[in-house]
Protein backbone atom coordinates (compact mmCIF):
# COMPACT_ATOMS: atom_id res chain seq x y z
CA MET A 1 83.91 137.01 88.31
CA MET A 2 86.36 138.49 89.80
CA LYS A 3 87.76 134.98 90.59
CA LYS A 4 87.82 133.60 86.93
CA ILE A 5 89.02 137.40 85.40
CA PHE A 6 92.19 136.77 87.84
CA ALA A 7 92.96 133.53 86.50
CA LEU A 8 92.48 134.56 82.99
CA LEU A 9 95.30 137.18 83.89
CA GLY A 10 97.18 134.47 85.34
CA PHE A 11 97.26 132.37 82.47
CA LEU A 12 98.59 135.51 80.36
CA LEU A 13 101.45 136.53 82.16
CA THR A 14 102.42 132.92 83.13
CA SER A 15 103.24 132.60 79.27
CA ILE A 16 105.98 134.93 79.04
CA LEU A 17 107.42 134.57 83.12
CA LEU A 18 109.91 132.24 83.03
CA PRO A 19 109.27 129.17 86.21
CA GLY A 20 111.77 130.10 89.18
CA GLN A 21 114.69 127.50 88.42
CA ASN A 22 118.43 128.15 88.61
CA LEU A 23 119.94 126.71 85.90
CA LEU A 24 120.50 128.14 82.19
CA LEU A 25 121.15 125.48 79.65
CA SER A 26 124.23 125.38 76.71
CA SER A 27 123.07 123.34 73.93
CA PRO A 28 123.50 119.98 73.85
CA LEU A 29 124.44 120.49 70.44
CA GLU A 30 126.54 122.40 68.26
CA ILE A 31 124.51 123.15 65.59
CA PRO A 32 120.99 125.14 65.11
CA LEU A 33 118.55 123.89 67.53
CA VAL A 34 115.34 122.39 65.40
CA LEU A 35 112.53 120.46 66.93
CA SER A 36 110.64 117.50 65.17
CA GLY A 37 108.83 117.06 68.86
CA THR A 38 108.10 119.05 72.13
CA PHE A 39 107.76 118.67 75.17
CA ALA A 40 104.75 116.61 76.91
CA GLU A 41 103.19 116.57 73.44
CA LEU A 42 100.67 113.71 72.80
CA ARG A 43 101.55 110.76 71.38
CA SER A 44 100.59 106.87 71.60
CA ASN A 45 100.31 105.98 75.32
CA HIS A 46 101.97 109.16 76.75
CA PHE A 47 103.17 112.30 76.73
CA HIS A 48 106.60 112.90 75.36
CA GLY A 49 109.25 113.66 78.49
CA GLY A 50 111.41 115.73 76.37
CA ILE A 51 112.69 118.12 73.23
CA ASP A 52 113.40 115.83 69.95
CA ILE A 53 116.40 117.73 68.44
CA LYS A 54 116.54 117.51 64.32
CA THR A 55 120.15 116.21 63.89
CA GLN A 56 120.19 117.16 60.33
CA GLY A 57 119.22 113.54 59.11
CA ARG A 58 122.15 111.96 60.16
CA SER A 59 123.74 110.02 63.67
CA GLY A 60 127.17 110.77 64.71
CA LEU A 61 127.44 114.15 65.51
CA LYS A 62 128.73 115.11 68.97
CA VAL A 63 126.92 115.34 72.04
CA ARG A 64 127.88 117.91 75.07
CA ALA A 65 127.04 118.44 78.20
CA VAL A 66 124.45 120.59 78.76
CA ALA A 67 125.89 121.95 82.14
CA ALA A 68 128.59 121.72 85.08
CA GLY A 69 127.56 118.32 86.76
CA TYR A 70 128.17 114.27 86.71
CA VAL A 71 127.40 111.06 84.63
CA SER A 72 124.80 109.39 87.17
CA ARG A 73 123.34 106.86 85.19
CA ILE A 74 123.81 104.74 81.75
CA SER A 75 121.24 102.95 80.11
CA ILE A 76 121.18 100.46 77.39
CA SER A 77 118.48 98.57 75.79
CA PRO A 78 117.15 97.79 72.00
CA TYR A 79 113.94 99.60 73.32
CA GLY A 80 112.64 102.70 74.26
CA TYR A 81 115.79 105.48 74.52
CA GLY A 82 118.38 102.80 72.96
CA ASN A 83 121.56 104.14 74.73
CA ALA A 84 121.12 107.27 76.59
CA LEU A 85 122.93 108.96 79.44
CA TYR A 86 121.88 111.05 82.78
CA ILE A 87 123.95 113.70 84.30
CA LYS A 88 122.42 115.11 87.65
CA HIS A 89 123.62 118.74 88.56
CA PRO A 90 124.38 120.39 91.83
CA GLU A 91 121.33 122.87 91.27
CA GLY A 92 118.99 119.73 91.55
CA TYR A 93 117.97 118.76 88.07
CA THR A 94 119.16 115.93 86.01
CA SER A 95 119.46 116.02 81.84
CA VAL A 96 119.39 113.39 79.52
CA TYR A 97 120.68 112.64 76.66
CA GLY A 98 118.56 110.01 74.58
CA HIS A 99 118.98 107.05 71.39
CA LEU A 100 122.54 108.16 71.07
CA ASN A 101 124.74 105.59 68.55
CA GLY A 102 127.66 105.66 71.32
CA PHE A 103 129.55 107.90 74.19
CA SER A 104 132.83 109.11 74.71
CA THR A 105 135.67 106.81 74.55
CA GLU A 106 136.11 106.72 78.43
CA ILE A 107 132.30 106.04 78.71
CA GLU A 108 131.85 103.86 76.08
CA ARG A 109 135.12 101.66 77.33
CA TRP A 110 133.62 101.59 80.83
CA VAL A 111 129.98 100.45 79.55
CA GLU A 112 131.69 97.48 77.97
CA GLU A 113 133.73 96.53 80.55
CA GLN A 114 130.95 96.74 82.68
CA LEU A 115 128.17 94.68 81.02
CA ARG A 116 130.84 91.32 80.16
CA ASP A 117 132.15 91.13 83.87
CA ARG A 118 128.45 90.78 84.66
CA SER A 119 127.67 88.58 81.55
CA LYS A 120 124.76 91.26 80.47
CA ASN A 121 123.35 92.46 77.13
CA ASN A 122 121.71 95.16 78.18
CA GLY A 123 120.25 97.31 81.32
CA ASN A 124 121.34 100.29 83.95
CA LEU A 125 124.67 101.43 85.15
CA TYR A 126 125.10 103.39 88.21
CA PRO A 127 128.98 104.76 87.82
CA SER A 128 130.43 106.88 90.60
CA LYS A 129 130.10 110.64 91.50
CA GLU A 130 133.87 110.81 90.46
CA SER A 131 133.84 108.42 87.58
CA PHE A 132 133.05 110.91 85.21
CA VAL A 133 132.92 114.83 85.91
CA VAL A 134 132.13 117.03 83.57
CA GLN A 135 131.55 120.38 83.35
CA ARG A 136 129.25 122.49 80.59
CA GLU A 137 129.69 121.73 76.97
CA ASP A 138 131.91 118.58 77.66
CA PHE A 139 131.85 115.62 75.38
CA ILE A 140 129.50 112.99 75.91
CA ALA A 141 128.40 111.26 73.35
CA PHE A 142 127.34 110.18 69.65
CA SER A 143 123.68 111.12 68.62
CA GLY A 144 122.37 108.14 66.98
CA ASN A 145 118.92 106.07 66.12
CA THR A 146 119.37 103.30 69.03
CA GLY A 147 115.69 102.29 70.64
CA GLY A 148 112.25 103.18 69.56
CA SER A 149 113.49 106.48 67.61
CA MET A 150 112.55 106.15 64.10
CA GLY A 151 114.91 108.08 62.48
CA PRO A 152 118.18 110.06 64.24
CA HIS A 153 117.89 112.79 65.93
CA LEU A 154 118.75 114.00 70.05
CA HIS A 155 116.03 113.22 72.42
CA PHE A 156 116.58 115.42 75.68
CA GLU A 157 115.11 116.15 78.94
CA ILE A 158 115.07 117.83 81.57
CA ARG A 159 114.31 115.96 85.07
CA ASP A 160 113.75 117.35 88.79
CA SER A 161 116.49 114.93 90.61
CA ARG A 162 114.54 114.95 93.81
CA THR A 163 110.94 113.47 92.57
CA GLU A 164 112.00 112.35 88.32
CA GLU A 165 109.61 114.34 86.68
CA PRO A 166 110.45 115.45 83.31
CA LEU A 167 110.42 119.41 82.98
CA ASN A 168 109.43 121.37 79.77
CA PRO A 169 113.36 121.95 78.53
CA LEU A 170 112.60 125.19 76.52
CA GLU A 171 112.48 126.80 80.32
CA PHE A 172 115.78 126.71 80.61
CA GLY A 173 117.19 129.13 78.46
CA LEU A 174 117.63 127.29 74.96
CA THR A 175 116.71 128.79 72.51
CA VAL A 176 114.87 126.85 69.32
CA LEU A 177 113.26 129.61 67.35
CA ASP A 178 109.53 130.30 66.92
CA SER A 179 107.70 132.76 65.22
CA ARG A 180 104.31 130.48 63.67
CA PRO A 181 101.55 130.74 66.29
CA PRO A 182 99.98 127.05 67.27
CA SER A 183 97.45 125.63 64.42
CA LEU A 184 93.91 125.09 64.90
CA ARG A 185 92.94 122.36 63.41
CA GLY A 186 89.36 121.49 64.14
CA LEU A 187 86.49 121.61 66.39
CA MET A 188 84.06 119.15 67.56
CA TRP A 189 81.75 118.56 69.94
CA VAL A 190 80.81 115.25 71.87
CA THR A 191 78.07 114.21 74.41
CA GLN A 192 78.78 113.73 77.67
CA ASP A 193 76.98 110.20 77.27
CA PHE A 194 79.62 109.49 74.18
CA THR A 195 76.41 108.51 71.63
CA ASP A 196 77.04 111.40 69.70
CA ARG A 197 78.99 113.72 68.04
CA GLY A 198 80.31 116.19 65.63
CA ASN A 199 82.36 118.89 63.94
CA PHE A 200 81.82 122.43 62.87
CA LYS A 201 84.15 125.48 62.67
CA ASP A 202 84.78 128.98 63.91
CA GLY A 203 82.34 131.64 64.24
CA ASP A 204 79.80 128.46 63.74
CA THR A 205 76.56 128.66 66.61
CA LEU A 206 76.01 124.79 67.48
CA ASP A 207 72.16 124.86 67.91
CA LEU A 208 71.27 122.23 70.58
CA ARG A 209 67.90 121.24 69.88
CA ALA A 210 67.77 121.16 66.16
CA LEU A 211 70.69 118.73 67.40
CA ASN A 212 67.93 117.03 69.44
CA ILE A 213 70.81 116.81 72.39
CA GLY A 214 69.51 116.88 76.24
CA VAL A 215 73.10 116.40 77.87
CA PRO A 216 76.17 118.06 79.29
CA ILE A 217 78.41 118.29 75.41
CA GLY A 218 82.15 118.49 76.15
CA ILE A 219 84.46 120.29 72.78
CA ASN A 220 87.09 118.21 71.25
CA LEU A 221 89.86 120.30 69.84
CA TYR A 222 92.80 119.32 67.60
CA THR A 223 95.44 121.69 67.35
CA THR A 224 99.70 121.63 66.38
CA ASP A 225 102.70 123.58 66.30
CA LYS A 226 105.36 124.59 63.96
CA GLN A 227 108.60 126.08 65.14
CA ASP A 228 111.01 127.68 62.57
CA GLY A 229 113.24 125.69 60.69
CA ALA A 230 111.03 122.33 60.22
CA ASN A 231 107.33 121.61 59.86
CA ASN A 232 106.77 118.81 62.21
CA ASN A 233 103.72 119.28 63.73
CA ASN A 234 104.30 118.97 67.05
CA GLY A 235 102.78 120.09 70.81
CA VAL A 236 101.37 123.48 72.07
CA TYR A 237 102.39 124.70 75.27
CA LYS A 238 98.83 126.38 77.31
CA ILE A 239 95.29 125.71 75.85
CA LEU A 240 92.47 128.12 77.87
CA SER A 241 88.63 127.20 77.52
CA SER A 242 85.68 130.64 78.37
CA VAL A 243 82.40 130.86 78.15
CA ASN A 244 80.92 133.93 78.36
CA ASN A 245 84.28 134.63 79.56
CA ASP A 246 84.66 133.47 82.45
CA ALA A 247 87.69 130.43 82.51
CA VAL A 248 85.97 126.78 82.30
CA PHE A 249 89.13 124.51 81.40
CA SER A 250 92.70 124.86 81.24
CA ALA A 251 95.60 122.66 80.34
CA GLU A 252 99.25 124.13 80.73
CA TYR A 253 102.01 121.52 79.43
CA ARG A 254 105.24 121.90 82.24
CA ARG A 255 105.54 119.34 84.11
CA ILE A 256 104.83 115.61 83.36
CA ASN A 257 104.85 112.22 86.00
CA PHE A 258 106.10 108.76 84.67
CA SER A 259 103.86 107.41 86.95
CA THR A 260 100.41 108.88 85.25
CA SER A 261 101.23 109.37 81.95
CA ARG A 262 98.98 106.75 80.25
CA PHE A 263 96.24 108.67 81.43
CA ILE A 264 96.95 110.85 78.38
CA ASN A 265 94.11 108.37 77.07
CA ALA A 266 91.82 110.40 79.02
CA HIS A 267 92.96 113.41 78.24
CA PHE A 268 92.53 112.96 74.10
CA ASP A 269 89.80 111.38 72.74
CA TYR A 270 90.85 108.37 72.70
CA GLN A 271 88.12 107.16 70.04
CA GLN A 272 88.53 109.83 67.58
CA TYR A 273 92.25 108.92 67.73
CA TYR A 274 90.80 105.29 66.97
CA ALA A 275 89.24 105.96 63.97
CA SER A 276 90.64 109.03 62.16
CA GLY A 277 94.54 108.71 63.83
CA ALA A 278 94.45 112.09 65.00
CA ARG A 279 94.63 113.26 68.62
CA TRP A 280 92.06 115.50 69.55
CA THR A 281 92.43 117.07 72.71
CA ARG A 282 89.29 116.82 75.56
CA LEU A 283 88.97 120.40 76.89
CA TYR A 284 86.94 118.35 79.88
CA GLU A 285 87.77 115.52 81.76
CA LEU A 286 86.69 112.37 82.78
CA ASP A 287 86.33 110.67 85.84
CA ASN A 288 89.01 108.87 85.48
CA ASN A 289 91.97 111.50 85.17
CA PRO A 290 94.35 112.41 87.70
CA LEU A 291 96.19 114.76 85.35
CA LYS A 292 97.65 117.62 86.96
CA ILE A 293 98.53 118.78 82.94
CA SER A 294 95.05 120.62 83.05
CA SER A 295 92.03 121.98 85.54
CA THR A 296 88.65 122.64 85.46
CA GLU A 297 86.09 125.52 86.69
CA GLU A 298 83.53 124.84 88.80
CA THR A 299 80.53 127.53 87.62
CA ILE A 300 76.81 127.76 88.07
CA PHE A 301 74.80 131.16 86.19
CA PRO A 302 71.19 131.14 84.57
CA GLU A 303 72.84 131.11 81.02
CA PHE A 304 75.11 127.87 81.70
CA ARG A 305 77.08 125.66 84.14
CA SER A 306 80.50 123.31 83.77
CA SER A 307 81.06 120.89 85.35
CA LYS A 308 84.54 119.32 84.45
CA GLY A 309 84.80 121.09 81.27
CA TRP A 310 81.20 119.58 80.67
CA ILE A 311 78.53 122.31 79.46
CA THR A 312 74.80 122.83 79.74
CA VAL A 313 73.33 125.84 78.68
CA ALA A 314 69.51 126.88 79.32
CA LYS A 315 67.01 126.59 76.83
CA ASP A 316 67.25 128.99 74.52
CA SER A 317 70.02 130.86 75.69
CA LEU A 318 73.27 131.76 73.70
CA VAL A 319 76.55 131.66 74.88
CA ASN A 320 79.74 132.51 73.63
CA VAL A 321 82.65 129.96 73.81
CA THR A 322 86.12 131.05 73.27
CA ILE A 323 89.43 128.92 73.46
CA LEU A 324 93.21 130.27 73.30
CA VAL A 325 96.19 128.33 72.06
CA THR A 326 99.45 128.99 72.96
CA ASP A 327 102.93 127.76 72.12
CA HIS A 328 106.24 127.92 74.74
CA ALA A 329 107.48 131.48 72.37
CA GLY A 330 104.54 133.32 73.53
CA ASN A 331 102.59 132.33 69.72
CA LYS A 332 98.48 132.79 70.15
CA SER A 333 95.75 131.40 68.22
CA ASN A 334 92.63 131.63 69.29
CA THR A 335 88.46 130.50 68.05
CA SER A 336 84.92 130.86 68.90
CA PHE A 337 82.11 130.02 68.58
CA TYR A 338 78.48 129.94 70.31
CA ILE A 339 76.31 126.86 71.66
CA LEU A 340 72.25 127.77 71.89
CA GLY A 341 70.97 125.41 74.86
CA SER A 342 67.91 122.94 74.81
CA PRO A 343 65.76 121.15 77.32
CA MET A 344 68.12 118.78 79.38
CA ASP A 345 67.53 114.97 79.52
CA SER A 346 68.49 113.35 82.51
CA THR A 347 68.50 109.98 81.56
CA PHE A 348 71.45 108.55 79.54
CA ARG A 349 73.81 105.08 78.93
CA THR A 350 76.24 104.66 81.02
CA GLY A 351 77.94 101.20 80.51
CA LEU A 352 80.37 99.07 82.78
CA SER A 353 81.46 101.41 85.81
CA TRP A 354 85.00 102.82 85.50
CA ASP A 355 85.40 102.12 89.12
CA GLN A 356 84.39 98.80 89.56
CA MET A 357 85.63 95.20 88.76
CA HIS A 358 84.13 93.13 86.74
CA THR A 359 83.73 89.54 84.87
CA LEU A 360 83.01 88.56 81.12
CA LYS A 361 82.64 85.25 80.21
CA GLU A 362 81.63 84.45 76.60
CA ASP A 363 82.36 80.80 75.32
CA LYS A 364 85.82 79.48 75.68
CA ILE A 365 86.87 83.30 77.59
CA ARG A 366 86.83 84.92 80.20
CA VAL A 367 87.57 88.58 80.94
CA SER A 368 88.33 90.57 84.31
CA ILE A 369 88.30 93.78 84.58
CA PRO A 370 89.83 95.41 87.77
CA SER A 371 88.69 98.71 88.90
CA GLY A 372 90.34 101.73 87.33
CA ALA A 373 91.33 100.10 84.40
CA MET A 374 88.66 101.98 82.06
CA TYR A 375 89.00 106.20 81.94
CA ARG A 376 85.29 106.15 81.93
CA ASN A 377 81.99 104.16 81.97
CA THR A 378 82.45 102.31 78.68
CA ASN A 379 80.18 99.26 77.20
CA PHE A 380 82.64 97.24 77.49
CA LYS A 381 82.09 94.00 75.23
CA LEU A 382 82.83 90.37 74.44
CA VAL A 383 81.97 88.80 71.60
CA LYS A 384 81.99 86.08 69.76
CA LYS A 385 82.74 87.06 65.94
CA GLY A 386 83.24 83.45 64.58
CA GLN A 387 85.85 81.83 63.25
CA GLY A 388 87.76 81.59 66.77
CA LYS A 389 87.56 85.16 66.60
CA TYR A 390 86.51 87.62 69.53
CA LEU A 391 85.75 91.41 70.01
CA ILE A 392 87.57 91.92 73.29
CA GLY A 393 86.37 95.45 74.20
CA GLY A 394 86.93 96.64 70.99
CA GLY A 395 90.68 98.46 69.41
CA ASP A 396 88.64 102.01 70.22
CA VAL A 397 88.45 100.84 74.12
CA PRO A 398 91.89 102.31 75.69
CA LEU A 399 93.04 100.59 79.15
CA GLN A 400 94.91 101.94 82.32
CA LYS A 401 94.82 98.98 84.28
CA SER A 402 95.70 95.72 82.77
CA ILE A 403 93.17 93.15 82.54
CA GLU A 404 93.32 88.84 82.74
CA VAL A 405 92.41 87.14 79.61
CA THR A 406 91.64 83.04 80.35
CA TRP A 407 91.60 81.06 76.69
CA LYS A 408 90.41 77.48 77.49
CA LEU A 409 91.95 75.12 74.12
CA ASP A 410 89.03 72.92 72.30
CA SER A 411 90.44 69.42 72.39
CA ILE A 412 91.74 69.55 69.24
CA GLN A 413 93.93 72.33 70.52
CA LYS A 414 95.33 70.39 73.34
CA GLY A 415 97.85 68.53 71.64
CA GLY A 416 99.48 71.26 70.34
CA PHE A 417 102.64 73.16 71.87
CA GLY A 418 103.79 76.63 71.01
CA TRP A 419 99.65 78.61 71.19
CA PHE A 420 99.67 82.76 71.53
CA ALA A 421 97.23 85.10 70.88
CA TRP A 422 96.88 88.04 67.78
CA VAL A 423 95.45 91.22 68.39
CA GLU A 424 94.40 93.44 65.76
CA ALA A 425 94.61 96.70 68.59
CA GLU A 426 94.79 100.44 67.84
CA SER A 427 97.56 99.92 65.69
CA ARG A 428 95.03 97.98 63.10
CA LYS A 429 98.80 96.05 63.08
CA GLN A 430 99.13 92.24 64.75
CA ARG A 431 99.77 91.99 68.15
CA ALA A 432 101.23 88.71 69.52
CA GLU A 433 100.30 87.98 73.28
CA ILE A 434 102.19 85.28 74.74
CA ALA A 435 99.59 83.43 77.32
CA LYS A 436 100.93 81.00 80.25
CA ARG A 437 99.81 77.71 79.79
CA THR A 438 97.96 75.32 82.49
CA GLY A 439 96.56 72.48 81.30
CA ASP A 440 94.71 73.20 78.77
CA VAL A 441 93.83 76.73 79.84
CA LEU A 442 95.82 79.89 77.99
CA THR A 443 96.38 82.78 80.87
CA PHE A 444 98.00 86.81 79.44
CA SER A 445 97.84 89.71 81.06
CA THR A 446 97.12 92.55 78.75
CA ARG A 447 96.27 96.88 78.14
CA ASN A 448 95.06 95.71 74.29
CA THR A 449 91.37 95.80 72.99
CA GLY A 450 90.49 94.42 70.09
CA THR A 451 89.77 91.42 67.99
CA TYR A 452 91.73 88.48 69.40
CA TYR A 453 92.63 84.71 68.08
CA LEU A 454 94.80 82.26 68.72
CA ASP A 455 97.52 81.61 66.63
CA GLN A 456 101.28 78.46 66.68
CA ASP A 457 104.53 79.80 66.30
CA LEU A 458 106.62 76.43 65.91
CA ILE A 459 109.14 77.67 63.81
CA ASP A 460 112.71 78.23 65.55
CA PRO A 461 113.89 81.62 64.85
CA SER A 462 116.20 82.20 61.06
CA VAL A 463 119.82 82.93 61.89
CA SER A 464 122.84 83.68 59.51
CA LEU A 465 125.51 85.42 59.54
CA ALA A 466 124.93 89.65 58.17
CA GLN A 467 128.81 90.59 57.57
CA GLN A 468 131.86 88.22 58.83
CA ASP A 469 134.31 90.68 58.98
CA PRO A 470 133.99 93.03 62.41
CA VAL A 471 132.97 96.78 62.32
CA SER A 472 134.77 99.25 64.60
CA ARG A 473 131.99 100.97 67.14
CA SER A 474 131.57 104.17 67.27
CA GLY A 475 133.59 106.56 70.34
CA SER A 476 134.96 103.07 71.10
CA GLN A 477 138.22 100.20 70.37
CA PHE A 478 135.47 97.78 70.16
CA LYS A 479 134.49 95.85 67.02
CA GLU A 480 131.19 94.22 66.34
CA ILE A 481 129.91 91.14 63.98
CA ARG A 482 126.88 91.23 62.86
CA ILE A 483 124.23 88.53 62.67
CA LYS A 484 120.67 88.94 61.01
CA ALA A 485 117.86 87.44 63.33
CA GLU A 486 113.93 87.46 62.80
CA ASP A 487 111.17 85.41 63.60
CA ASP A 488 107.67 85.19 61.93
CA LYS A 489 105.63 85.35 64.31
CA THR A 490 106.30 85.64 68.58
CA GLY A 491 109.37 87.90 68.17
CA ILE A 492 112.62 87.43 69.67
CA ASP A 493 113.14 87.08 73.42
CA ARG A 494 116.19 86.05 74.59
CA TYR A 495 119.80 85.92 73.03
CA SER A 496 123.27 85.04 73.42
CA ALA A 497 126.89 85.25 72.35
CA ARG A 498 130.28 83.27 73.09
CA ILE A 499 133.44 83.70 71.54
CA ASP A 500 135.57 80.95 72.29
CA GLY A 501 133.48 79.87 75.22
CA LYS A 502 133.29 83.16 77.19
CA PHE A 503 130.56 85.28 77.48
CA ALA A 504 130.51 88.19 74.24
CA ARG A 505 127.92 90.61 74.67
CA ILE A 506 124.59 91.68 72.17
CA ASP A 507 123.41 94.96 70.84
CA PHE A 508 120.26 94.04 69.40
CA ASP A 509 118.81 96.11 66.99
CA TYR A 510 115.23 95.34 66.28
CA LYS A 511 114.56 97.50 63.76
CA HIS A 512 117.21 95.99 61.33
CA ASN A 513 116.74 92.98 63.14
CA LEU A 514 120.23 92.72 63.09
CA LEU A 515 121.82 91.69 66.53
CA LYS A 516 125.85 93.05 67.27
CA VAL A 517 128.23 90.78 68.53
CA ILE A 518 130.52 92.81 70.83
CA ILE A 519 134.31 91.36 70.22
CA PRO A 520 136.07 92.09 73.90
CA LYS A 521 139.50 94.20 73.42
CA GLU A 522 141.26 91.22 74.36
CA ILE A 523 140.77 89.00 72.25
CA SER A 524 143.78 87.97 70.11
CA VAL A 525 144.33 88.03 66.33
CA GLY A 526 143.34 85.32 65.00
CA SER A 527 140.66 82.48 64.10
CA HIS A 528 138.22 82.45 66.44
CA ASN A 529 134.61 80.55 67.26
CA LEU A 530 131.16 82.32 68.10
CA ARG A 531 128.72 80.74 69.30
CA VAL A 532 124.92 82.27 68.71
CA VAL A 533 121.97 81.21 70.66
CA VAL A 534 118.38 83.10 69.15
CA ILE A 535 114.96 82.43 71.39
CA ASP A 536 111.66 83.83 70.73
CA SER A 537 108.74 84.41 72.95
CA VAL A 538 107.19 81.02 73.51
CA GLY A 539 110.41 79.08 73.40
CA ASN A 540 111.37 77.95 69.82
CA THR A 541 115.52 78.16 69.75
CA THR A 542 118.42 78.68 67.28
CA THR A 543 121.81 77.91 67.95
CA LYS A 544 124.32 78.89 65.15
CA GLU A 545 127.84 78.45 65.55
CA TYR A 546 130.32 80.33 63.50
CA ASN A 547 134.76 80.35 62.37
CA ILE A 548 135.56 84.79 62.09
CA THR A 549 138.72 85.73 62.59
CA LEU A 550 140.14 89.64 64.04
């Protein structure tokens, strides 16, 4: 009992204490920090690696170094962080600035020259330590909306330079006003065999006898947090669950590891997310879950026991469950309810074992599931649905590792080309899975489960001149010509451009289907030939040539 009391006291104390770090940051923007996303909040297939700072709905705000150091890496990509800049600091940390529209003039010119010299459109660049030394509050870039960003903002991270693990930036002295406590938006019980679940509310008594539940139960919590100045539903900082004042589960969002981030699908209830779009945190742990964010206490008492957060209540015993949620500013919310125990039934369904390999076959389909691909024992399905459709796993079944699917073409399909598979996955939207063809067999690896069917892509990408007159790129002397490029099925995979036969870099804005051809600064005024090649994911190719005038 004393151990549990000390655990609770430690949880409460660390809510107000900063970690033993030796770096205090200045603001990366010249405006008050208002957040649209917090550290480690629950995202699709990953924990958020930093904080998202609002930029007043626009791009082009000046971004400044949060501390002295040197630019160690510059990343250029149409996806993910988009244009991103990394600064190493002598204290052992790295600051990261993502979704940038452009860099300071000196950095922008260097980036363009490096990529063009290497004939690359995208990639990671690593300047020498001496190339771009910065001081605290030096101007380094412009905020933007590049990469996977869904609106203008600055993605900001602090990483441990040694491990590359992201840390909570709010523990480094950044000021974000927050007087609002976390919101406890829902409570749910779920049986350990995952065959039943139900909602309840604060103050309720869960009568397991009346519910006819004879297996341990877990508690799901739907909680979000809001800071001052915005109504975005962001993530919380700490969660503590106790039974009769004994801690059984805790989560603390201070540090994440990219290599285990996809295990978020074990941390929140994926099935409920699939059904409702809401991410409910599990206050218990699945077998295949190595995350260090959460921890559990093994407890054995006459009234109840807990193992990995799963709660078993003795017959006719009444226990009190309390949940305390804290945000980074120290604001707290709590809820309390009761569980009345029932007799236990030791037999319940398990499904396919998560820690074993499995091979499933149905008609033309073969599915190979490696050990550790699933997060728990799961009733993984392979079912023919008619009209050439097959259910593989089910859209509500998340995967940690890729499964391999082999699909045999029938006699009619054998003579065709451009075959690929559509999958209706967790987003309910179609996603193209590109397969390798060997004879009459298609093979692809995927971490998407759902309904699959084959289709052909036989149409070349659509390519047209969107804007003939060159326009200036922010923060540099370079200009760009914009090309509209679209593909209706498998999507654009590769692209290239040449001006008068020489390589020209393309900045691909996939959200607006724009290829931005960057004109090398040494190109003279006058008329020039622009040649653009666009290839989709199954090899359909479009080549266009334009006369441009500079």
